[in-house]
C-alpha atoms as a PDB file:
ATOM      1  CA  MET A   1       0.000   0.000   0.000  1.00  0.00           C
ATOM      2  CA  SER A   2       1.430   3.395  -1.028  1.00  0.00           C
ATOM      3  CA  LYS A   3       1.929   6.232   1.435  1.00  0.00           C
ATOM      4  CA  LYS A   4      -0.626   8.321  -0.455  1.00  0.00           C
ATOM      5  CA  THR A   5      -3.276   5.613  -0.180  1.00  0.00           C
ATOM      6  CA  LEU A   6      -2.508   5.113   3.487  1.00  0.00           C
ATOM      7  CA  PHE A   7      -2.791   8.860   4.109  1.00  0.00           C
ATOM      8  CA  THR A   8      -6.140   8.991   2.297  1.00  0.00           C
ATOM      9  CA  LEU A   9      -7.463   6.108   4.379  1.00  0.00           C
ATOM     10  CA  LEU A  10      -6.314   7.929   7.503  1.00  0.00           C
ATOM     11  CA  GLN A  11      -8.178  11.053   6.400  1.00  0.00           C
ATOM     12  CA  ILE A  12     -11.323   9.029   5.800  1.00  0.00           C
ATOM     13  CA  ALA A  13     -10.990   7.442   9.235  1.00  0.00           C
ATOM     14  CA  VAL A  14     -10.550  10.859  10.871  1.00  0.00           C
ATOM     15  CA  THR A  15     -13.578  12.238   9.018  1.00  0.00           C
ATOM     16  CA  VAL A  16     -15.812   9.301   9.941  1.00  0.00           C
ATOM     17  CA  GLY A  17     -14.569   9.334  13.534  1.00  0.00           C
ATOM     18  CA  ILE A  18     -15.273  13.035  14.051  1.00  0.00           C
ATOM     19  CA  LEU A  19     -18.711  12.823  12.446  1.00  0.00           C
ATOM     20  CA  ALA A  20     -19.612   9.779  14.544  1.00  0.00           C
ATOM     21  CA  PHE A  21     -18.604  11.720  17.657  1.00  0.00           C
ATOM     22  CA  LEU A  22     -20.618  14.780  16.639  1.00  0.00           C
ATOM     23  CA  PHE A  23     -23.762  12.750  15.913  1.00  0.00           C
ATOM     24  CA  ARG A  24     -23.519  10.493  18.949  1.00  0.00           C
ATOM     25  CA  ASP A  25     -26.318  12.292  20.815  1.00  0.00           C
ATOM     26  CA  ALA A  26     -29.789  11.322  19.537  1.00  0.00           C
ATOM     27  CA  GLU A  27     -31.413  14.293  21.252  1.00  0.00           C
ATOM     28  CA  LYS A  28     -29.115  16.771  19.498  1.00  0.00           C
ATOM     29  CA  ASP A  29     -29.761  14.998  16.201  1.00  0.00           C
ATOM     30  CA  LYS A  30     -33.474  15.659  16.726  1.00  0.00           C
ATOM     31  CA  GLN A  31     -32.721  19.303  17.468  1.00  0.00           C
ATOM     32  CA  MET A  32     -30.795  19.585  14.195  1.00  0.00           C
ATOM     33  CA  LEU A  33     -33.691  18.078  12.238  1.00  0.00           C
ATOM     34  CA  ALA A  34     -36.081  20.485  13.943  1.00  0.00           C
ATOM     35  CA  ALA A  35     -33.822  23.413  13.055  1.00  0.00           C
ATOM     36  CA  LEU A  36     -33.747  22.310   9.428  1.00  0.00           C
ATOM     37  CA  ALA A  37     -37.525  21.965   9.362  1.00  0.00           C
ATOM     38  CA  HIS A  38     -37.959  25.573  10.535  1.00  0.00           C
ATOM     39  CA  ALA A  39     -35.090  27.115   8.538  1.00  0.00           C
ATOM     40  CA  ASN A  40     -35.654  30.424   6.773  1.00  0.00           C
ATOM     41  CA  LEU A  41     -35.137  29.359   3.173  1.00  0.00           C
ATOM     42  CA  TRP A  42     -34.782  32.946   1.989  1.00  0.00           C
ATOM     43  CA  TRP A  43     -31.539  33.290   3.948  1.00  0.00           C
ATOM     44  CA  ILE A  44     -30.248  30.035   2.468  1.00  0.00           C
ATOM     45  CA  ALA A  45     -31.143  31.326  -0.997  1.00  0.00           C
ATOM     46  CA  ALA A  46     -29.239  34.506  -0.131  1.00  0.00           C
ATOM     47  CA  ALA A  47     -26.218  32.369   0.795  1.00  0.00           C
ATOM     48  CA  CYS A  48     -26.373  30.705  -2.623  1.00  0.00           C
ATOM     49  CA  GLY A  49     -26.494  34.136  -4.253  1.00  0.00           C
ATOM     50  CA  VAL A  50     -23.555  35.397  -2.212  1.00  0.00           C
ATOM     51  CA  PHE A  51     -21.426  32.557  -3.504  1.00  0.00           C
ATOM     52  CA  GLY A  52     -22.312  33.689  -7.015  1.00  0.00           C
ATOM     53  CA  ILE A  53     -20.696  37.044  -6.181  1.00  0.00           C
ATOM     54  CA  VAL A  54     -17.664  35.220  -4.746  1.00  0.00           C
ATOM     55  CA  ALA A  55     -17.369  33.162  -7.923  1.00  0.00           C
ATOM     56  CA  LEU A  56     -17.614  36.216 -10.187  1.00  0.00           C
ATOM     57  CA  ALA A  57     -14.903  38.042  -8.225  1.00  0.00           C
ATOM     58  CA  ALA A  58     -12.643  34.958  -8.198  1.00  0.00           C
ATOM     59  CA  ILE A  59     -13.066  34.407 -11.947  1.00  0.00           C
ATOM     60  CA  THR A  60     -12.328  38.081 -12.615  1.00  0.00           C
ATOM     61  CA  ARG A  61      -9.177  37.890 -10.472  1.00  0.00           C
ATOM     62  CA  TRP A  62      -8.047  34.821 -12.372  1.00  0.00           C
ATOM     63  CA  LYS A  63      -8.703  36.505 -15.728  1.00  0.00           C
ATOM     64  CA  VAL A  64      -6.653  39.542 -14.683  1.00  0.00           C
ATOM     65  CA  LEU A  65      -3.698  37.341 -13.735  1.00  0.00           C
ATOM     66  CA  LEU A  66      -3.970  35.265 -16.916  1.00  0.00           C
ATOM     67  CA  ARG A  67      -3.959  38.423 -19.009  1.00  0.00           C
ATOM     68  CA  VAL A  68      -0.533  39.321 -17.610  1.00  0.00           C
ATOM     69  CA  GLN A  69       0.720  36.052 -19.109  1.00  0.00           C
ATOM     70  CA  GLY A  70      -0.806  36.892 -22.483  1.00  0.00           C
ATOM     71  CA  ILE A  71      -3.538  34.290 -22.052  1.00  0.00           C
ATOM     72  CA  HIS A  72      -6.975  35.445 -23.175  1.00  0.00           C
ATOM     73  CA  ILE A  73      -9.793  33.014 -22.451  1.00  0.00           C
ATOM     74  CA  GLY A  74     -13.439  33.988 -22.850  1.00  0.00           C
ATOM     75  CA  TRP A  75     -15.655  34.488 -19.821  1.00  0.00           C
ATOM     76  CA  GLY A  76     -17.737  31.427 -20.621  1.00  0.00           C
ATOM     77  CA  ARG A  77     -14.765  29.101 -20.903  1.00  0.00           C
ATOM     78  CA  LEU A  78     -13.075  30.524 -17.825  1.00  0.00           C
ATOM     79  CA  THR A  79     -16.285  30.164 -15.829  1.00  0.00           C
ATOM     80  CA  ALA A  80     -16.471  26.526 -16.918  1.00  0.00           C
ATOM     81  CA  LEU A  81     -12.920  25.930 -15.691  1.00  0.00           C
ATOM     82  CA  PHE A  82     -13.727  27.614 -12.367  1.00  0.00           C
ATOM     83  CA  LEU A  83     -16.847  25.490 -11.872  1.00  0.00           C
ATOM     84  CA  ILE A  84     -14.891  22.324 -12.639  1.00  0.00           C
ATOM     85  CA  GLY A  85     -12.425  23.391  -9.961  1.00  0.00           C
ATOM     86  CA  ILE A  86     -15.098  23.806  -7.286  1.00  0.00           C
ATOM     87  CA  LEU A  87     -16.487  20.386  -8.251  1.00  0.00           C
ATOM     88  CA  PHE A  88     -13.391  18.826  -6.669  1.00  0.00           C
ATOM     89  CA  ASN A  89     -13.035  21.171  -3.679  1.00  0.00           C
ATOM     90  CA  PRO A  90     -15.657  19.805  -1.235  1.00  0.00           C
ATOM     91  CA  PHE A  91     -14.423  16.245  -1.475  1.00  0.00           C
ATOM     92  CA  MET A  92     -10.654  16.639  -1.377  1.00  0.00           C
ATOM     93  CA  PRO A  93      -8.329  17.204   1.586  1.00  0.00           C
ATOM     94  CA  GLY A  94      -7.723  20.898   2.140  1.00  0.00           C
ATOM     95  CA  GLY A  95      -9.557  21.857  -1.044  1.00  0.00           C
ATOM     96  CA  THR A  96      -6.385  21.300  -3.096  1.00  0.00           C
ATOM     97  CA  GLY A  97      -8.141  19.054  -5.605  1.00  0.00           C
ATOM     98  CA  GLY A  98      -9.916  22.057  -7.093  1.00  0.00           C
ATOM     99  CA  ASP A  99      -6.651  23.899  -7.750  1.00  0.00           C
ATOM    100  CA  VAL A 100      -5.107  20.836  -9.370  1.00  0.00           C
ATOM    101  CA  ALA A 101      -8.164  20.330 -11.597  1.00  0.00           C
ATOM    102  CA  LYS A 102      -8.211  23.997 -12.641  1.00  0.00           C
ATOM    103  CA  ILE A 103      -4.525  23.885 -13.547  1.00  0.00           C
ATOM    104  CA  PHE A 104      -4.863  20.588 -15.421  1.00  0.00           C
ATOM    105  CA  TYR A 105      -7.732  21.737 -17.636  1.00  0.00           C
ATOM    106  CA  LEU A 106      -6.268  25.201 -18.096  1.00  0.00           C
ATOM    107  CA  LEU A 107      -3.131  23.525 -19.449  1.00  0.00           C
ATOM    108  CA  LYS A 108      -5.309  21.687 -21.964  1.00  0.00           C
ATOM    109  CA  GLU A 109      -6.805  25.032 -23.046  1.00  0.00           C
ATOM    110  CA  THR A 110      -3.367  26.599 -23.489  1.00  0.00           C
ATOM    111  CA  PRO A 111      -1.076  23.849 -24.856  1.00  0.00           C
ATOM    112  CA  ASP A 112       1.371  26.423 -26.231  1.00  0.00           C
ATOM    113  CA  LYS A 113       1.561  28.393 -22.973  1.00  0.00           C
ATOM    114  CA  LYS A 114       1.571  25.740 -20.285  1.00  0.00           C
ATOM    115  CA  PRO A 115       4.248  27.317 -18.056  1.00  0.00           C
ATOM    116  CA  ALA A 116       2.528  30.707 -18.258  1.00  0.00           C
ATOM    117  CA  ALA A 117      -0.844  29.165 -17.374  1.00  0.00           C
ATOM    118  CA  LEU A 118       0.593  27.374 -14.346  1.00  0.00           C
ATOM    119  CA  LEU A 119       2.312  30.520 -13.095  1.00  0.00           C
ATOM    120  CA  ALA A 120      -0.968  32.448 -13.350  1.00  0.00           C
ATOM    121  CA  VAL A 121      -2.730  29.890 -11.153  1.00  0.00           C
ATOM    122  CA  LEU A 122       0.215  29.866  -8.748  1.00  0.00           C
ATOM    123  CA  MET A 123      -0.020  33.651  -8.465  1.00  0.00           C
ATOM    124  CA  ASP A 124      -3.783  33.383  -7.984  1.00  0.00           C
ATOM    125  CA  ARG A 125      -3.143  31.139  -4.955  1.00  0.00           C
ATOM    126  CA  LEU A 126      -0.505  33.508  -3.576  1.00  0.00           C
ATOM    127  CA  VAL A 127      -2.614  36.644  -4.025  1.00  0.00           C
ATOM    128  CA  GLY A 128      -5.562  34.855  -2.423  1.00  0.00           C
ATOM    129  CA  LEU A 129      -3.458  33.884   0.579  1.00  0.00           C
ATOM    130  CA  PHE A 130      -1.983  37.358   0.951  1.00  0.00           C
ATOM    131  CA  GLY A 131      -5.433  38.910   0.656  1.00  0.00           C
ATOM    132  CA  LEU A 132      -6.800  36.572   3.319  1.00  0.00           C
ATOM    133  CA  ILE A 133      -3.981  37.468   5.713  1.00  0.00           C
ATOM    134  CA  LEU A 134      -4.568  41.199   5.224  1.00  0.00           C
ATOM    135  CA  ILE A 135      -8.357  41.010   5.575  1.00  0.00           C
ATOM    136  CA  ALA A 136      -8.224  38.637   8.541  1.00  0.00           C
ATOM    137  CA  GLY A 137      -5.585  40.832  10.158  1.00  0.00           C
ATOM    138  CA  VAL A 138      -7.856  43.874  10.032  1.00  0.00           C
ATOM    139  CA  VAL A 139     -10.875  41.967  11.368  1.00  0.00           C
ATOM    140  CA  ILE A 140      -8.833  40.319  14.137  1.00  0.00           C
ATOM    141  CA  ALA A 141      -7.427  43.693  15.195  1.00  0.00           C
ATOM    142  CA  LEU A 142     -10.972  45.046  15.476  1.00  0.00           C
ATOM    143  CA  ARG A 143     -12.337  41.985  17.288  1.00  0.00           C
ATOM    144  CA  TYR A 144      -9.319  40.720  19.216  1.00  0.00           C
ATOM    145  CA  GLN A 145     -10.834  41.050  22.696  1.00  0.00           C
ATOM    146  CA  TRP A 146     -14.031  39.368  21.565  1.00  0.00           C
ATOM    147  CA  LEU A 147     -12.198  36.512  19.813  1.00  0.00           C
ATOM    148  CA  THR A 148     -10.071  35.750  22.890  1.00  0.00           C
ATOM    149  CA  GLN A 149     -12.790  35.848  25.549  1.00  0.00           C
ATOM    150  CA  THR A 150     -12.606  32.072  26.137  1.00  0.00           C
ATOM    151  CA  PRO A 151      -9.417  29.955  26.409  1.00  0.00           C
ATOM    152  CA  THR A 152     -10.505  27.604  23.608  1.00  0.00           C
ATOM    153  CA  CYS A 153     -11.326  30.408  21.203  1.00  0.00           C
ATOM    154  CA  ALA A 154      -8.058  32.155  22.062  1.00  0.00           C
ATOM    155  CA  THR A 155      -6.123  28.965  21.328  1.00  0.00           C
ATOM    156  CA  LEU A 156      -7.836  28.615  17.959  1.00  0.00           C
ATOM    157  CA  LEU A 157      -7.061  32.248  17.133  1.00  0.00           C
ATOM    158  CA  TYR A 158      -3.403  31.784  18.056  1.00  0.00           C
ATOM    159  CA  THR A 159      -3.319  28.661  15.888  1.00  0.00           C
ATOM    160  CA  LEU A 160      -4.543  30.762  12.975  1.00  0.00           C
ATOM    161  CA  LEU A 161      -1.904  33.402  13.668  1.00  0.00           C
ATOM    162  CA  ALA A 162       0.791  30.712  13.799  1.00  0.00           C
ATOM    163  CA  ILE A 163      -0.320  29.380  10.401  1.00  0.00           C
ATOM    164  CA  PHE A 164      -0.337  32.901   8.995  1.00  0.00           C
ATOM    165  CA  GLY A 165       3.097  33.487  10.495  1.00  0.00           C
ATOM    166  CA  GLY A 166       4.464  30.391   8.783  1.00  0.00           C
ATOM    167  CA  SER A 167       2.890  31.447   5.486  1.00  0.00           C
ATOM    168  CA  ILE A 168       4.378  34.944   5.738  1.00  0.00           C
ATOM    169  CA  GLY A 169       7.744  33.402   6.585  1.00  0.00           C
ATOM    170  CA  PHE A 170       7.619  31.253   3.455  1.00  0.00           C
ATOM    171  CA  ILE A 171       6.631  34.247   1.315  1.00  0.00           C
ATOM    172  CA  LEU A 172       9.466  36.330   2.768  1.00  0.00           C
ATOM    173  CA  LEU A 173      11.897  33.461   2.192  1.00  0.00           C
ATOM    174  CA  SER A 174      10.826  33.227  -1.427  1.00  0.00           C
ATOM    175  CA  PHE A 175      11.279  36.994  -1.825  1.00  0.00           C
ATOM    176  CA  ALA A 176      14.744  36.818  -0.257  1.00  0.00           C
ATOM    177  CA  VAL A 177      15.814  33.896  -2.434  1.00  0.00           C
ATOM    178  CA  THR A 178      14.574  35.733  -5.506  1.00  0.00           C
ATOM    179  CA  GLY A 179      16.043  39.101  -4.583  1.00  0.00           C
ATOM    180  CA  LEU A 180      19.478  37.680  -3.775  1.00  0.00           C
ATOM    181  CA  GLY A 181      19.567  35.599  -6.936  1.00  0.00           C
ATOM    182  CA  LEU A 182      19.872  32.331  -5.030  1.00  0.00           C
ATOM    183  CA  VAL A 183      17.073  30.497  -6.830  1.00  0.00           C
ATOM    184  CA  HIS A 184      19.196  28.202  -8.957  1.00  0.00           C
ATOM    185  CA  LYS A 185      21.670  27.580  -6.137  1.00  0.00           C
ATOM    186  CA  LEU A 186      19.096  25.795  -4.001  1.00  0.00           C
ATOM    187  CA  PRO A 187      19.867  22.092  -3.330  1.00  0.00           C
ATOM    188  CA  ALA A 188      18.077  19.776  -5.736  1.00  0.00           C
ATOM    189  CA  ARG A 189      16.533  17.761  -2.876  1.00  0.00           C
ATOM    190  CA  MET A 190      15.453  20.762  -0.843  1.00  0.00           C
ATOM    191  CA  PRO A 191      11.779  20.521   0.200  1.00  0.00           C
ATOM    192  CA  LEU A 192       9.537  22.944  -1.741  1.00  0.00           C
ATOM    193  CA  ARG A 193      12.459  23.890  -3.987  1.00  0.00           C
ATOM    194  CA  ASP A 194      10.284  23.738  -7.126  1.00  0.00           C
ATOM    195  CA  LYS A 195       7.700  26.013  -5.505  1.00  0.00           C
ATOM    196  CA  LEU A 196      10.358  28.572  -4.580  1.00  0.00           C
ATOM    197  CA  VAL A 197      11.781  28.619  -8.087  1.00  0.00           C
ATOM    198  CA  ASP A 198       8.322  28.931  -9.648  1.00  0.00           C
ATOM    199  CA  LEU A 199       7.476  31.752  -7.257  1.00  0.00           C
ATOM    200  CA  SER A 200      10.642  33.602  -8.252  1.00  0.00           C
ATOM    201  CA  VAL A 201       9.529  33.521 -11.893  1.00  0.00           C
ATOM    202  CA  ALA A 202       6.039  34.679 -10.920  1.00  0.00           C
ATOM    203  CA  TYR A 203       7.405  37.549  -8.801  1.00  0.00           C
ATOM    204  CA  ASN A 204       9.521  38.829 -11.674  1.00  0.00           C
ATOM    205  CA  GLN A 205       6.590  38.846 -14.091  1.00  0.00           C
ATOM    206  CA  TYR A 206       3.832  40.115 -11.811  1.00  0.00           C
ATOM    207  CA  GLY A 207       6.116  42.654 -10.152  1.00  0.00           C
ATOM    208  CA  ARG A 208       6.464  44.367 -13.521  1.00  0.00           C
ATOM    209  CA  ALA A 209       2.687  44.231 -14.000  1.00  0.00           C
ATOM    210  CA  TRP A 210       2.024  45.855 -10.617  1.00  0.00           C
ATOM    211  CA  GLY A 211      -1.264  47.428 -11.715  1.00  0.00           C
ATOM    212  CA  SER A 212      -2.819  44.073 -12.540  1.00  0.00           C
ATOM    213  CA  SER A 213      -1.348  42.535  -9.390  1.00  0.00           C
ATOM    214  CA  LEU A 214      -2.896  45.289  -7.250  1.00  0.00           C
ATOM    215  CA  LEU A 215      -6.277  44.824  -8.945  1.00  0.00           C
ATOM    216  CA  ALA A 216      -6.089  41.087  -8.267  1.00  0.00           C
ATOM    217  CA  LEU A 217      -5.349  41.813  -4.604  1.00  0.00           C
ATOM    218  CA  LEU A 218      -8.333  44.198  -4.355  1.00  0.00           C
ATOM    219  CA  LEU A 219     -10.580  41.497  -5.800  1.00  0.00           C
ATOM    220  CA  CYS A 220      -9.701  39.384  -2.750  1.00  0.00           C
ATOM    221  CA  VAL A 221     -12.041  41.606  -0.709  1.00  0.00           C
ATOM    222  CA  PRO A 222     -15.289  40.349  -2.296  1.00  0.00           C
ATOM    223  CA  VAL A 223     -13.861  36.836  -2.590  1.00  0.00           C
ATOM    224  CA  HIS A 224     -13.019  36.409   1.089  1.00  0.00           C
ATOM    225  CA  LEU A 225     -15.637  38.622   2.718  1.00  0.00           C
ATOM    226  CA  GLY A 226     -18.236  37.054   0.455  1.00  0.00           C
ATOM    227  CA  SER A 227     -17.256  33.547   1.543  1.00  0.00           C
ATOM    228  CA  PHE A 228     -17.523  34.643   5.188  1.00  0.00           C
ATOM    229  CA  THR A 229     -20.878  36.318   4.546  1.00  0.00           C
ATOM    230  CA  LEU A 230     -22.220  33.116   3.015  1.00  0.00           C
ATOM    231  CA  PHE A 231     -22.043  31.420   6.410  1.00  0.00           C
ATOM    232  CA  TYR A 232     -23.545  34.485   8.081  1.00  0.00           C
ATOM    233  CA  CYS A 233     -26.564  34.162   5.781  1.00  0.00           C
ATOM    234  CA  VAL A 234     -26.827  30.473   6.621  1.00  0.00           C
ATOM    235  CA  GLY A 235     -26.571  31.323  10.310  1.00  0.00           C
ATOM    236  CA  ARG A 236     -29.452  33.780  10.029  1.00  0.00           C
ATOM    237  CA  ALA A 237     -31.567  30.979   8.562  1.00  0.00           C
ATOM    238  CA  PHE A 238     -31.429  29.231  11.957  1.00  0.00           C
ATOM    239  CA  THR A 239     -30.788  31.894  14.604  1.00  0.00           C
ATOM    240  CA  GLU A 240     -30.657  35.647  15.142  1.00  0.00           C
ATOM    241  CA  ARG A 241     -27.499  35.313  17.207  1.00  0.00           C
ATOM    242  CA  GLY A 242     -24.190  36.237  15.617  1.00  0.00           C
ATOM    243  CA  ALA A 243     -23.686  39.550  13.810  1.00  0.00           C
ATOM    244  CA  LEU A 244     -22.065  39.881  10.390  1.00  0.00           C
ATOM    245  CA  LEU A 245     -18.797  41.108  11.915  1.00  0.00           C
ATOM    246  CA  ASP A 246     -18.862  38.108  14.272  1.00  0.00           C
ATOM    247  CA  PHE A 247     -18.836  35.728  11.320  1.00  0.00           C
ATOM    248  CA  TRP A 248     -16.133  37.790   9.603  1.00  0.00           C
ATOM    249  CA  GLY A 249     -13.994  37.232  12.694  1.00  0.00           C
ATOM    250  CA  ILE A 250     -14.777  33.530  13.053  1.00  0.00           C
ATOM    251  CA  MET A 251     -14.620  32.342   9.444  1.00  0.00           C
ATOM    252  CA  PRO A 252     -10.876  32.970   8.798  1.00  0.00           C
ATOM    253  CA  ILE A 253     -10.169  30.652  11.742  1.00  0.00           C
ATOM    254  CA  VAL A 254     -12.617  28.012  10.516  1.00  0.00           C
ATOM    255  CA  ASN A 255     -11.573  28.088   6.862  1.00  0.00           C
ATOM    256  CA  THR A 256      -7.829  28.099   7.560  1.00  0.00           C
ATOM    257  CA  ILE A 257      -7.736  25.344  10.173  1.00  0.00           C
ATOM    258  CA  ALA A 258     -10.263  23.212   8.270  1.00  0.00           C
ATOM    259  CA  SER A 259      -8.002  23.449   5.189  1.00  0.00           C
ATOM    260  CA  ILE A 260      -5.281  21.478   6.989  1.00  0.00           C
ATOM    261  CA  PRO A 261      -5.525  18.077   5.232  1.00  0.00           C
ATOM    262  CA  ILE A 262      -6.464  15.896   8.185  1.00  0.00           C
ATOM    263  CA  SER A 263      -9.966  15.114   6.922  1.00  0.00           C
ATOM    264  CA  ILE A 264     -11.770  14.949   3.586  1.00  0.00           C
ATOM    265  CA  GLY A 265     -12.686  18.477   2.565  1.00  0.00           C
ATOM    266  CA  GLY A 266     -12.381  19.630   6.185  1.00  0.00           C
ATOM    267  CA  THR A 267     -15.549  17.706   7.058  1.00  0.00           C
ATOM    268  CA  GLY A 268     -15.842  17.056  10.770  1.00  0.00           C
ATOM    269  CA  VAL A 269     -13.078  19.513  11.613  1.00  0.00           C
ATOM    270  CA  ARG A 270     -15.208  22.385  10.347  1.00  0.00           C
ATOM    271  CA  GLU A 271     -18.192  21.312  12.427  1.00  0.00           C
ATOM    272  CA  GLY A 272     -16.056  20.987  15.555  1.00  0.00           C
ATOM    273  CA  LEU A 273     -14.673  24.489  15.033  1.00  0.00           C
ATOM    274  CA  PHE A 274     -18.162  25.938  14.603  1.00  0.00           C
ATOM    275  CA  ILE A 275     -19.244  24.322  17.873  1.00  0.00           C
ATOM    276  CA  LYS A 276     -16.335  25.862  19.785  1.00  0.00           C
ATOM    277  CA  LEU A 277     -16.418  29.304  18.166  1.00  0.00           C
ATOM    278  CA  LEU A 278     -20.151  29.906  17.715  1.00  0.00           C
ATOM    279  CA  GLY A 279     -20.869  28.349  21.090  1.00  0.00           C
ATOM    280  CA  GLY A 280     -18.130  30.175  22.980  1.00  0.00           C
ATOM    281  CA  LEU A 281     -18.496  33.564  21.284  1.00  0.00           C
ATOM    282  CA  CYS A 282     -22.146  33.807  20.200  1.00  0.00           C
ATOM    283  CA  GLN A 283     -23.777  31.381  22.663  1.00  0.00           C
ATOM    284  CA  ILE A 284     -25.239  29.388  19.785  1.00  0.00           C
ATOM    285  CA  PRO A 285     -26.230  25.832  20.847  1.00  0.00           C
ATOM    286  CA  GLU A 286     -24.121  22.923  19.598  1.00  0.00           C
ATOM    287  CA  ALA A 287     -26.885  21.436  17.457  1.00  0.00           C
ATOM    288  CA  THR A 288     -27.492  24.780  15.749  1.00  0.00           C
ATOM    289  CA  ALA A 289     -23.770  25.362  15.196  1.00  0.00           C
ATOM    290  CA  VAL A 290     -23.393  21.977  13.481  1.00  0.00           C
ATOM    291  CA  THR A 291     -26.508  22.645  11.390  1.00  0.00           C
ATOM    292  CA  ILE A 292     -25.070  25.990  10.244  1.00  0.00           C
ATOM    293  CA  SER A 293     -21.786  24.351   9.302  1.00  0.00           C
ATOM    294  CA  LEU A 294     -23.350  21.480   7.373  1.00  0.00           C
ATOM    295  CA  THR A 295     -25.859  23.717   5.598  1.00  0.00           C
ATOM    296  CA  GLY A 296     -23.127  26.129   4.531  1.00  0.00           C
ATOM    297  CA  TYR A 297     -21.172  23.154   3.237  1.00  0.00           C
ATOM    298  CA  PHE A 298     -24.307  21.982   1.421  1.00  0.00           C
ATOM    299  CA  VAL A 299     -24.532  25.356  -0.356  1.00  0.00           C
ATOM    300  CA  LEU A 300     -20.979  24.842  -1.611  1.00  0.00           C
ATOM    301  CA  ILE A 301     -21.867  21.339  -2.742  1.00  0.00           C
ATOM    302  CA  LEU A 302     -24.862  22.686  -4.676  1.00  0.00           C
ATOM    303  CA  TRP A 303     -22.507  24.950  -6.589  1.00  0.00           C
ATOM    304  CA  SER A 304     -20.070  22.082  -7.078  1.00  0.00           C
ATOM    305  CA  LEU A 305     -22.882  20.023  -8.624  1.00  0.00           C
ATOM    306  CA  GLY A 306     -23.215  22.797 -11.187  1.00  0.00           C
ATOM    307  CA  GLY A 307     -19.527  22.240 -11.843  1.00  0.00           C
ATOM    308  CA  GLY A 308     -20.319  18.542 -12.287  1.00  0.00           C
ATOM    309  CA  VAL A 309     -22.773  19.325 -15.072  1.00  0.00           C
ATOM    310  CA  VAL A 310     -20.161  21.486 -16.798  1.00  0.00           C
ATOM    311  CA  TYR A 311     -17.583  18.729 -16.326  1.00  0.00           C
ATOM    312  CA  LEU A 312     -19.790  16.130 -18.038  1.00  0.00           C
ATOM    313  CA  PHE A 313     -20.132  18.221 -21.179  1.00  0.00           C
ATOM    314  CA  TYR A 314     -16.736  19.891 -21.077  1.00  0.00           C
ATOM    315  CA  ARG A 315     -14.690  19.770 -24.268  1.00  0.00           C
ATOM    316  CA  PRO A 316     -12.076  19.469 -25.712  1.00  0.00           C
ATOM    317  CA  SER A 317     -10.208  18.192 -22.687  1.00  0.00           C
ATOM    318  CA  GLU A 318     -10.348  14.528 -21.821  1.00  0.00           C
ATOM    319  CA  HIS A 319     -11.486  13.602 -18.340  1.00  0.00           C
ATOM    320  CA  ALA A 320      -8.826  12.285 -16.010  1.00  0.00           C
ATOM    321  CA  ALA A 321      -8.380  10.947 -12.515  1.00  0.00           C
ATOM    322  CA  LEU A 322      -7.131  13.418  -9.926  1.00  0.00           C
ATOM    323  CA  ALA A 323      -3.938  11.382  -9.489  1.00  0.00           C
ATOM    324  CA  GLU A 324      -3.185  11.838 -13.192  1.00  0.00           C
ATOM    325  CA  MET A 325      -3.902  15.562 -12.931  1.00  0.00           C
ATOM    326  CA  SER A 326      -1.600  15.910  -9.929  1.00  0.00           C
ATOM    327  CA  GLN A 327       1.178  14.038 -11.712  1.00  0.00           C
ATOM    328  CA  GLU A 328       1.028  16.213 -14.821  1.00  0.00           C
ATOM    329  CA  VAL A 329       0.876  19.442 -12.827  1.00  0.00           C
ATOM    330  CA  GLY A 330       3.778  18.313 -10.622  1.00  0.00           C
ATOM    331  CA  GLN A 331       5.877  17.448 -13.662  1.00  0.00           C
ATOM    332  CA  LEU A 332       5.302  20.883 -15.164  1.00  0.00           C
ATOM    333  CA  GLU A 333       6.158  22.608 -11.879  1.00  0.00           C
ATOM    334  CA  HIS A 334       9.422  20.665 -11.762  1.00  0.00           C
ATOM    335  CA  ALA A 335      10.159  21.416 -15.419  1.00  0.00           C
ATOM    336  CA  ILE A 336       9.759  25.146 -14.817  1.00  0.00           C
ATOM    337  CA  ALA A 337      11.977  24.931 -11.754  1.00  0.00           C
ATOM    338  CA  GLU A 338      14.660  23.137 -13.737  1.00  0.00           C
ATOM    339  CA  GLY A 339      14.583  25.733 -16.481  1.00  0.00           C
ATOM    340  CA  GLU A 340      13.415  23.272 -19.118  1.00  0.00           C
ATOM    341  CA  GLN A 341      10.450  25.338 -20.214  1.00  0.00           C
ATOM    342  CA  THR A 342      10.107  28.760 -21.808  1.00  0.00           C
ATOM    343  CA  VAL A 343       7.856  31.554 -20.631  1.00  0.00           C
ATOM    344  CA  GLU A 344       7.205  34.441 -22.988  1.00  0.00           C
ATOM    345  CA  GLY A 345      10.117  33.359 -25.142  1.00  0.00           C
ATOM    346  CA  LYS A 346      12.748  33.609 -22.415  1.00  0.00           C
ATOM    347  CA  SER A 347      14.580  30.603 -21.063  1.00  0.00           C
ATOM    348  CA  LEU A 348      14.156  30.231 -17.312  1.00  0.00           C
END
């Protein structure tokens, strides 16, 4: 049995174990069913609409970054690629499956500009992360006392800050390596070496196109705040507790920690975080907190099913298993890092 298969089985076991623990109480299960029966469907519909705004902003950001690479794909085709990406997100550890699928099918759309296409998606990830850190930083500064009013919530907040600190450290390292011209002196077996080299290429290109890079960063505001607001809308479907700013403070913690690949799509982990944060900070009962989490996840799945319809009729790309997608994307990342590809006519 391969390490990857063993890790996947472990993730499945963790997911099942957490869900079994959360649903162990028959009385709370009845409370969840009662909450669903009396849900305000207009708020759930609003949550679905909010994700439409998130999707539009994310697609626009992606288009801006692709344009820097000289890649011009129509709105319809780019929307199809985005929807295919979200098809994979809810079911994969940490949501990484969606990124891999988007890259894979984008490469099929741009066979003559594969390195450029990959770098655009890589920059999209980086801008999204940087935007999340900035937005979460502002919200946390405004709500710090509220977010740390219980020991458990404070621990979760500090965990988020530690993850952000590590991410900033990696970004700064990549800047330093690029600025000092040390990229091609990195040891061949160094962990994340390919990522650092690819980032150095992306920095050079997007640093020159600073206007487009700034626009992409600004588009992170509707992307991230919209995704937080989605769960606020879902929350209002079940309870009047929890203000919009409360959810803006909670959701960066939930989304970031749930993205750690210890369960499938963050399932189970997300629900546990909602129990601790909504219960400790908004006094929302456990059954309601779990219902909010699962319903918000269901909204994302509804959108992913739309991606499934697009995927079934998508052409010209052939369908492929995620393992095959990951392998091809990994090979291209390594090829760029080794200087075996050409971007915009210049040898890396």
